[in-house]
Amino acid sequence: MDKYTPTEASHLSTFAADAEALISATADIAGDKVCEARKRLAAALEHGKHLLVRAEERAIEGAKLTDQVVRQNPYQAIAIAAGVGAIIGYLASRRGCSKSD
């Protein structure tokens, strides 16, 4: 699963704003290479925005599905969470013991 934090969202927003500013700043520069680069950057920016929206939608759908499953099976969810926690605790304690030896 992808990890997405508010800091990353801020960086992506800044990147998008910088890319749009670059496109605007180079609007009056006439040149085939600059024009082609502007087109590619604009297309990449739109594609990135589309991917971000899709990722957000998938994350929301996943959260809703997880909420529904946990509400339908609360005891099983608690048992699974406890089991995973116990396994992680066991592995962490074993790792800590082997470093001190």
Protein backbone atom coordinates (compact mmCIF):
# COMPACT_ATOMS: atom_id res chain seq x y z
CA MET A 1 0.00 0.00 0.00
CA ASP A 2 1.29 3.46 -0.81
CA LYS A 3 2.06 5.79 2.04
CA TYR A 4 0.78 9.30 1.47
CA THR A 5 1.26 12.04 4.05
CA PRO A 6 0.05 15.65 4.25
CA THR A 7 3.67 16.76 3.80
CA GLU A 8 3.83 14.88 0.50
CA ALA A 9 0.56 16.49 -0.53
CA SER A 10 2.09 19.88 0.20
CA HIS A 11 5.17 19.03 -1.88
CA LEU A 12 2.98 17.82 -4.74
CA SER A 13 0.92 21.01 -4.61
CA THR A 14 4.08 23.10 -4.63
CA PHE A 15 5.47 21.11 -7.55
CA ALA A 16 2.23 21.54 -9.50
CA ALA A 17 2.19 25.27 -8.81
CA ASP A 18 5.84 25.61 -9.88
CA ALA A 19 5.17 23.64 -13.07
CA GLU A 20 2.17 25.82 -13.91
CA ALA A 21 4.25 28.94 -13.22
CA LEU A 22 6.97 27.65 -15.53
CA ILE A 23 4.43 27.01 -18.26
CA SER A 24 3.06 30.53 -17.87
CA ALA A 25 6.52 32.13 -17.72
CA THR A 26 7.61 30.48 -20.95
CA ALA A 27 4.39 31.27 -22.86
CA ASP A 28 5.98 34.15 -24.78
CA ILE A 29 9.15 32.26 -25.70
CA ALA A 30 8.93 31.09 -29.28
CA GLY A 31 10.91 28.01 -30.05
CA ASP A 32 10.10 24.51 -31.12
CA LYS A 33 11.97 22.87 -28.26
CA VAL A 34 10.47 25.17 -25.62
CA CYS A 35 6.97 24.73 -27.05
CA GLU A 36 7.35 20.95 -27.11
CA ALA A 37 8.72 20.92 -23.54
CA ARG A 38 5.78 23.06 -22.38
CA LYS A 39 3.32 20.66 -23.99
CA ARG A 40 4.99 17.63 -22.39
CA LEU A 41 5.07 19.33 -18.99
CA ALA A 42 1.41 20.32 -19.24
CA ALA A 43 0.45 16.77 -20.24
CA ALA A 44 2.50 15.28 -17.39
CA LEU A 45 0.95 17.72 -14.94
CA GLU A 46 -2.58 16.80 -16.01
CA HIS A 47 -1.75 13.10 -15.87
CA GLY A 48 -0.30 13.54 -12.36
CA LYS A 49 -3.43 15.36 -11.19
CA HIS A 50 -5.58 12.57 -12.61
CA LEU A 51 -3.49 9.91 -10.84
CA LEU A 52 -3.70 11.80 -7.56
CA VAL A 53 -7.49 12.03 -7.77
CA ARG A 54 -7.72 8.30 -8.54
CA ALA A 55 -5.42 7.47 -5.61
CA GLU A 56 -7.52 9.56 -3.24
CA GLU A 57 -10.71 7.87 -4.47
CA ARG A 58 -9.18 4.41 -4.00
CA ALA A 59 -8.00 5.32 -0.49
CA ILE A 60 -11.48 6.51 0.47
CA GLU A 61 -13.07 3.36 -0.97
CA GLY A 62 -10.59 1.20 0.93
CA ALA A 63 -11.26 3.02 4.18
CA LYS A 64 -15.02 2.65 3.73
CA LEU A 65 -14.68 -1.06 2.97
CA THR A 66 -12.40 -1.60 5.98
CA ASP A 67 -14.86 0.26 8.21
CA GLN A 68 -17.72 -1.86 6.92
CA VAL A 69 -15.85 -5.14 7.48
CA VAL A 70 -14.76 -4.15 10.99
CA ARG A 71 -18.29 -3.10 11.91
CA GLN A 72 -19.71 -6.39 10.61
CA ASN A 73 -17.05 -8.50 12.38
CA PRO A 74 -15.84 -6.57 15.43
CA TYR A 75 -14.62 -9.56 17.45
CA GLN A 76 -12.70 -11.03 14.56
CA ALA A 77 -11.12 -7.65 13.87
CA ILE A 78 -10.04 -7.35 17.51
CA ALA A 79 -8.61 -10.88 17.47
CA ILE A 80 -6.68 -10.23 14.26
CA ALA A 81 -5.32 -6.93 15.57
CA ALA A 82 -4.25 -8.59 18.83
CA GLY A 83 -2.60 -11.45 16.96
CA VAL A 84 -0.70 -9.14 14.64
CA GLY A 85 0.36 -7.03 17.62
CA ALA A 86 1.58 -10.11 19.47
CA ILE A 87 3.60 -11.29 16.47
CA ILE A 88 5.17 -7.87 16.00
CA GLY A 89 5.94 -7.66 19.72
CA TYR A 90 7.52 -11.12 19.68
CA LEU A 91 9.65 -10.32 16.64
CA ALA A 92 10.69 -6.96 18.08
CA SER A 93 11.70 -8.50 21.38
CA ARG A 94 13.72 -11.23 19.64
CA ARG A 95 15.49 -8.66 17.53
CA GLY A 96 16.30 -6.60 20.62
CA CYS A 97 17.70 -9.63 22.46
CA SER A 98 19.97 -10.66 19.60
CA LYS A 99 21.54 -7.17 19.44
CA SER A 100 22.45 -7.14 23.13
CA ASP A 101 24.22 -10.53 22.98
